[in-house]
Amino acid sequence: MSTEMSDEEIRNLAIQRVRRKRGFFSHLTVYLIVNAFLWCMWALAAAGYGWGMRSTTFPWPVFVTVFWGIGLISHGLGVFAFHSGWEQKEIDREIARLKKGDS
């Protein structure tokens, strides 16, 4: 199996990486917008503008911020830190198996 990549393979890999980065930044944007909305809702409710909601001083959006933040961090690590080429190696391995006739 050749380790040299053709220009088309390099282009496809670059497209794949750019799409993963775009997916992460879309995720980050939604995270920021939703969390800003939830924190504003909480702040207004705590200030007495509850629109019929029970006023609370407990910062309940912290749960969304923290747990979604953990998911966002893991998404970012997967995109930017741990892109070691594992997926491409597995694809190459599967192609080699299929060419041999194994299932």
N, C-alpha and C. Protein backbone atom coordinates (compact mmCIF):
# COMPACT_ATOMS: atom_id res chain seq x y z
N MET A 1 0.84 -1.18 0.00
CA MET A 1 0.00 0.00 0.00
C MET A 1 0.88 1.24 0.00
N SER A 2 0.59 2.15 -0.89
CA SER A 2 1.38 3.35 -1.04
C SER A 2 1.05 4.37 0.05
N THR A 3 2.11 5.02 0.56
CA THR A 3 1.88 6.06 1.56
C THR A 3 1.75 7.42 0.92
N GLU A 4 2.10 7.54 -0.37
CA GLU A 4 1.96 8.79 -1.09
C GLU A 4 0.49 9.04 -1.38
N MET A 5 0.09 10.29 -1.18
CA MET A 5 -1.29 10.65 -1.46
C MET A 5 -1.35 11.45 -2.75
N SER A 6 -2.36 11.16 -3.56
CA SER A 6 -2.55 11.94 -4.79
C SER A 6 -3.11 13.31 -4.44
N ASP A 7 -3.07 14.20 -5.42
CA ASP A 7 -3.62 15.54 -5.21
C ASP A 7 -5.10 15.48 -4.86
N GLU A 8 -5.82 14.56 -5.48
CA GLU A 8 -7.25 14.42 -5.20
C GLU A 8 -7.49 13.95 -3.76
N GLU A 9 -6.67 13.00 -3.30
CA GLU A 9 -6.80 12.52 -1.92
C GLU A 9 -6.48 13.63 -0.92
N ILE A 10 -5.45 14.42 -1.22
CA ILE A 10 -5.08 15.54 -0.35
C ILE A 10 -6.22 16.56 -0.32
N ARG A 11 -6.79 16.84 -1.48
CA ARG A 11 -7.91 17.78 -1.54
C ARG A 11 -9.10 17.25 -0.74
N ASN A 12 -9.43 15.98 -0.90
CA ASN A 12 -10.56 15.40 -0.15
C ASN A 12 -10.32 15.45 1.35
N LEU A 13 -9.10 15.18 1.77
CA LEU A 13 -8.77 15.24 3.19
C LEU A 13 -8.87 16.68 3.71
N ALA A 14 -8.41 17.63 2.92
CA ALA A 14 -8.51 19.04 3.31
C ALA A 14 -9.97 19.47 3.42
N ILE A 15 -10.80 19.04 2.47
CA ILE A 15 -12.23 19.36 2.51
C ILE A 15 -12.86 18.77 3.77
N GLN A 16 -12.50 17.53 4.08
CA GLN A 16 -13.04 16.87 5.27
C GLN A 16 -12.65 17.64 6.54
N ARG A 17 -11.41 18.06 6.64
CA ARG A 17 -10.96 18.80 7.82
C ARG A 17 -11.65 20.16 7.94
N VAL A 18 -11.82 20.85 6.80
CA VAL A 18 -12.49 22.15 6.82
C VAL A 18 -13.95 21.97 7.26
N ARG A 19 -14.60 20.92 6.79
CA ARG A 19 -15.99 20.67 7.19
C ARG A 19 -16.10 20.37 8.68
N ARG A 20 -15.14 19.65 9.21
CA ARG A 20 -15.14 19.38 10.65
C ARG A 20 -14.96 20.67 11.45
N LYS A 21 -14.07 21.53 10.98
CA LYS A 21 -13.86 22.82 11.67
C LYS A 21 -15.12 23.68 11.57
N ARG A 22 -15.74 23.71 10.40
CA ARG A 22 -16.98 24.48 10.24
C ARG A 22 -18.07 23.92 11.16
N GLY A 23 -18.15 22.61 11.29
CA GLY A 23 -19.12 22.00 12.19
C GLY A 23 -18.88 22.41 13.63
N PHE A 24 -17.61 22.46 14.03
CA PHE A 24 -17.30 22.89 15.40
C PHE A 24 -17.70 24.35 15.61
N PHE A 25 -17.38 25.22 14.67
CA PHE A 25 -17.70 26.63 14.85
C PHE A 25 -19.21 26.88 14.81
N SER A 26 -19.95 26.08 14.05
CA SER A 26 -21.41 26.16 14.09
C SER A 26 -21.91 25.75 15.46
N HIS A 27 -21.36 24.67 16.00
CA HIS A 27 -21.71 24.18 17.34
C HIS A 27 -21.42 25.26 18.38
N LEU A 28 -20.25 25.89 18.29
CA LEU A 28 -19.87 26.95 19.22
C LEU A 28 -20.84 28.13 19.14
N THR A 29 -21.22 28.52 17.93
CA THR A 29 -22.14 29.64 17.76
C THR A 29 -23.50 29.35 18.40
N VAL A 30 -24.04 28.17 18.15
CA VAL A 30 -25.32 27.79 18.74
C VAL A 30 -25.21 27.75 20.26
N TYR A 31 -24.11 27.21 20.77
CA TYR A 31 -23.87 27.14 22.22
C TYR A 31 -23.91 28.54 22.83
N LEU A 32 -23.22 29.48 22.21
CA LEU A 32 -23.16 30.84 22.75
C LEU A 32 -24.52 31.53 22.69
N ILE A 33 -25.23 31.38 21.60
CA ILE A 33 -26.55 32.02 21.46
C ILE A 33 -27.55 31.45 22.45
N VAL A 34 -27.63 30.13 22.53
CA VAL A 34 -28.60 29.50 23.43
C VAL A 34 -28.26 29.82 24.88
N ASN A 35 -26.99 29.74 25.24
CA ASN A 35 -26.62 30.03 26.63
C ASN A 35 -26.85 31.49 26.98
N ALA A 36 -26.58 32.40 26.06
CA ALA A 36 -26.86 33.82 26.33
C ALA A 36 -28.35 34.02 26.56
N PHE A 37 -29.18 33.38 25.75
CA PHE A 37 -30.63 33.48 25.92
C PHE A 37 -31.06 32.93 27.27
N LEU A 38 -30.56 31.75 27.64
CA LEU A 38 -30.95 31.14 28.92
C LEU A 38 -30.50 31.98 30.11
N TRP A 39 -29.29 32.52 30.05
CA TRP A 39 -28.81 33.35 31.15
C TRP A 39 -29.59 34.66 31.24
N CYS A 40 -29.97 35.22 30.10
CA CYS A 40 -30.80 36.43 30.13
C CYS A 40 -32.18 36.13 30.71
N MET A 41 -32.76 34.99 30.32
CA MET A 41 -34.05 34.59 30.88
C MET A 41 -33.96 34.46 32.40
N TRP A 42 -32.91 33.80 32.86
CA TRP A 42 -32.73 33.61 34.30
C TRP A 42 -32.56 34.96 35.01
N ALA A 43 -31.72 35.83 34.44
CA ALA A 43 -31.47 37.13 35.07
C ALA A 43 -32.74 37.96 35.15
N LEU A 44 -33.54 37.95 34.08
CA LEU A 44 -34.78 38.70 34.10
C LEU A 44 -35.77 38.11 35.09
N ALA A 45 -35.84 36.79 35.17
CA ALA A 45 -36.75 36.14 36.12
C ALA A 45 -36.31 36.42 37.55
N ALA A 46 -35.01 36.40 37.78
CA ALA A 46 -34.49 36.67 39.13
C ALA A 46 -34.71 38.13 39.52
N ALA A 47 -34.78 39.01 38.53
CA ALA A 47 -35.00 40.43 38.81
C ALA A 47 -36.49 40.76 38.97
N GLY A 48 -37.35 39.76 38.78
CA GLY A 48 -38.77 39.98 38.97
C GLY A 48 -39.57 40.08 37.69
N TYR A 49 -38.91 39.97 36.55
CA TYR A 49 -39.62 40.00 35.26
C TYR A 49 -39.83 38.57 34.78
N GLY A 50 -40.60 37.81 35.54
CA GLY A 50 -40.69 36.38 35.28
C GLY A 50 -41.74 35.95 34.30
N TRP A 51 -42.57 36.86 33.80
CA TRP A 51 -43.62 36.53 32.83
C TRP A 51 -44.45 35.34 33.30
N GLY A 52 -44.78 35.34 34.59
CA GLY A 52 -45.58 34.26 35.14
C GLY A 52 -44.74 33.09 35.62
N MET A 53 -43.44 33.12 35.37
CA MET A 53 -42.57 32.05 35.84
C MET A 53 -42.24 32.29 37.31
N ARG A 54 -42.00 31.22 38.02
CA ARG A 54 -41.61 31.35 39.41
C ARG A 54 -40.22 31.96 39.49
N SER A 55 -40.10 33.02 40.25
CA SER A 55 -38.81 33.70 40.39
C SER A 55 -37.88 32.85 41.24
N THR A 56 -36.66 32.71 40.78
CA THR A 56 -35.68 31.92 41.50
C THR A 56 -34.33 32.62 41.43
N THR A 57 -33.57 32.48 42.48
CA THR A 57 -32.23 33.04 42.46
C THR A 57 -31.18 31.97 42.15
N PHE A 58 -31.62 30.71 42.12
CA PHE A 58 -30.67 29.65 41.78
C PHE A 58 -30.34 29.73 40.29
N PRO A 59 -29.08 29.79 39.94
CA PRO A 59 -28.69 29.95 38.53
C PRO A 59 -28.80 28.62 37.75
N TRP A 60 -30.01 28.25 37.42
CA TRP A 60 -30.24 26.97 36.76
C TRP A 60 -29.57 26.83 35.39
N PRO A 61 -29.30 27.91 34.64
CA PRO A 61 -28.62 27.72 33.35
C PRO A 61 -27.20 27.16 33.49
N VAL A 62 -26.68 27.16 34.69
CA VAL A 62 -25.32 26.64 34.88
C VAL A 62 -25.23 25.18 34.44
N PHE A 63 -26.32 24.42 34.62
CA PHE A 63 -26.29 23.01 34.22
C PHE A 63 -26.14 22.87 32.71
N VAL A 64 -26.89 23.66 31.97
CA VAL A 64 -26.79 23.62 30.51
C VAL A 64 -25.40 24.08 30.07
N THR A 65 -24.94 25.17 30.66
CA THR A 65 -23.64 25.73 30.28
C THR A 65 -22.52 24.72 30.53
N VAL A 66 -22.52 24.10 31.71
CA VAL A 66 -21.43 23.18 32.06
C VAL A 66 -21.47 21.90 31.24
N PHE A 67 -22.64 21.23 31.21
CA PHE A 67 -22.67 19.93 30.54
C PHE A 67 -22.58 20.05 29.03
N TRP A 68 -23.23 21.04 28.46
CA TRP A 68 -23.08 21.27 27.03
C TRP A 68 -21.65 21.71 26.74
N GLY A 69 -21.07 22.50 27.64
CA GLY A 69 -19.68 22.93 27.49
C GLY A 69 -18.71 21.76 27.45
N ILE A 70 -18.98 20.74 28.26
CA ILE A 70 -18.14 19.54 28.23
C ILE A 70 -18.21 18.89 26.85
N GLY A 71 -19.42 18.80 26.30
CA GLY A 71 -19.58 18.25 24.95
C GLY A 71 -18.89 19.10 23.91
N LEU A 72 -18.97 20.41 24.06
CA LEU A 72 -18.33 21.32 23.12
C LEU A 72 -16.81 21.19 23.18
N ILE A 73 -16.27 21.07 24.38
CA ILE A 73 -14.82 20.89 24.53
C ILE A 73 -14.37 19.59 23.88
N SER A 74 -15.13 18.52 24.10
CA SER A 74 -14.74 17.24 23.49
C SER A 74 -14.85 17.33 21.96
N HIS A 75 -15.84 18.03 21.46
CA HIS A 75 -15.95 18.24 20.02
C HIS A 75 -14.73 19.00 19.50
N GLY A 76 -14.35 20.06 20.20
CA GLY A 76 -13.19 20.84 19.79
C GLY A 76 -11.90 20.05 19.83
N LEU A 77 -11.74 19.24 20.87
CA LEU A 77 -10.54 18.40 20.94
C LEU A 77 -10.49 17.41 19.79
N GLY A 78 -11.64 16.84 19.46
CA GLY A 78 -11.70 15.90 18.35
C GLY A 78 -11.35 16.55 17.02
N VAL A 79 -11.72 17.80 16.86
CA VAL A 79 -11.46 18.51 15.60
C VAL A 79 -10.03 19.04 15.53
N PHE A 80 -9.55 19.65 16.62
CA PHE A 80 -8.28 20.36 16.56
C PHE A 80 -7.09 19.62 17.17
N ALA A 81 -7.31 18.77 18.15
CA ALA A 81 -6.18 18.15 18.85
C ALA A 81 -5.95 16.70 18.47
N PHE A 82 -7.01 15.95 18.29
CA PHE A 82 -6.86 14.51 18.08
C PHE A 82 -7.22 14.10 16.66
N HIS A 83 -6.69 14.80 15.69
CA HIS A 83 -6.93 14.43 14.30
C HIS A 83 -5.70 13.71 13.77
N SER A 84 -5.38 12.60 14.38
CA SER A 84 -4.14 11.88 14.08
C SER A 84 -4.19 11.06 12.81
N GLY A 85 -5.30 11.07 12.12
CA GLY A 85 -5.40 10.28 10.90
C GLY A 85 -5.92 8.88 11.15
N TRP A 86 -6.46 8.62 12.35
CA TRP A 86 -6.98 7.30 12.68
C TRP A 86 -8.05 6.88 11.68
N GLU A 87 -8.95 7.81 11.37
CA GLU A 87 -10.05 7.49 10.46
C GLU A 87 -9.52 7.10 9.08
N GLN A 88 -8.54 7.85 8.59
CA GLN A 88 -7.98 7.53 7.27
C GLN A 88 -7.28 6.18 7.28
N LYS A 89 -6.59 5.86 8.37
CA LYS A 89 -5.94 4.55 8.48
C LYS A 89 -6.97 3.43 8.46
N GLU A 90 -8.10 3.63 9.15
CA GLU A 90 -9.16 2.61 9.16
C GLU A 90 -9.79 2.45 7.78
N ILE A 91 -9.96 3.56 7.08
CA ILE A 91 -10.51 3.50 5.72
C ILE A 91 -9.56 2.72 4.82
N ASP A 92 -8.27 3.02 4.91
CA ASP A 92 -7.28 2.29 4.11
C ASP A 92 -7.28 0.81 4.43
N ARG A 93 -7.40 0.49 5.72
CA ARG A 93 -7.44 -0.92 6.14
C ARG A 93 -8.66 -1.64 5.58
N GLU A 94 -9.82 -0.97 5.61
CA GLU A 94 -11.05 -1.57 5.06
C GLU A 94 -10.95 -1.75 3.55
N ILE A 95 -10.36 -0.76 2.86
CA ILE A 95 -10.18 -0.89 1.42
C ILE A 95 -9.29 -2.07 1.09
N ALA A 96 -8.21 -2.26 1.86
CA ALA A 96 -7.31 -3.38 1.64
C ALA A 96 -8.04 -4.72 1.87
N ARG A 97 -8.87 -4.79 2.92
CA ARG A 97 -9.64 -6.02 3.19
C ARG A 97 -10.61 -6.31 2.06
N LEU A 98 -11.29 -5.28 1.58
CA LEU A 98 -12.26 -5.49 0.50
C LEU A 98 -11.59 -5.92 -0.79
N LYS A 99 -10.40 -5.40 -1.05
CA LYS A 99 -9.66 -5.78 -2.25
C LYS A 99 -9.20 -7.23 -2.16
N LYS A 100 -8.92 -7.71 -0.95
CA LYS A 100 -8.52 -9.11 -0.76
C LYS A 100 -9.72 -10.04 -0.85
N GLY A 101 -10.90 -9.50 -0.69
CA GLY A 101 -12.11 -10.32 -0.75
C GLY A 101 -12.61 -10.73 0.62
N ASP A 102 -12.00 -10.21 1.68
CA ASP A 102 -12.48 -10.51 3.03
C ASP A 102 -13.74 -9.69 3.30
N SER A 103 -14.58 -10.21 4.21
CA SER A 103 -15.76 -9.44 4.57
C SER A 103 -15.75 -9.03 6.00
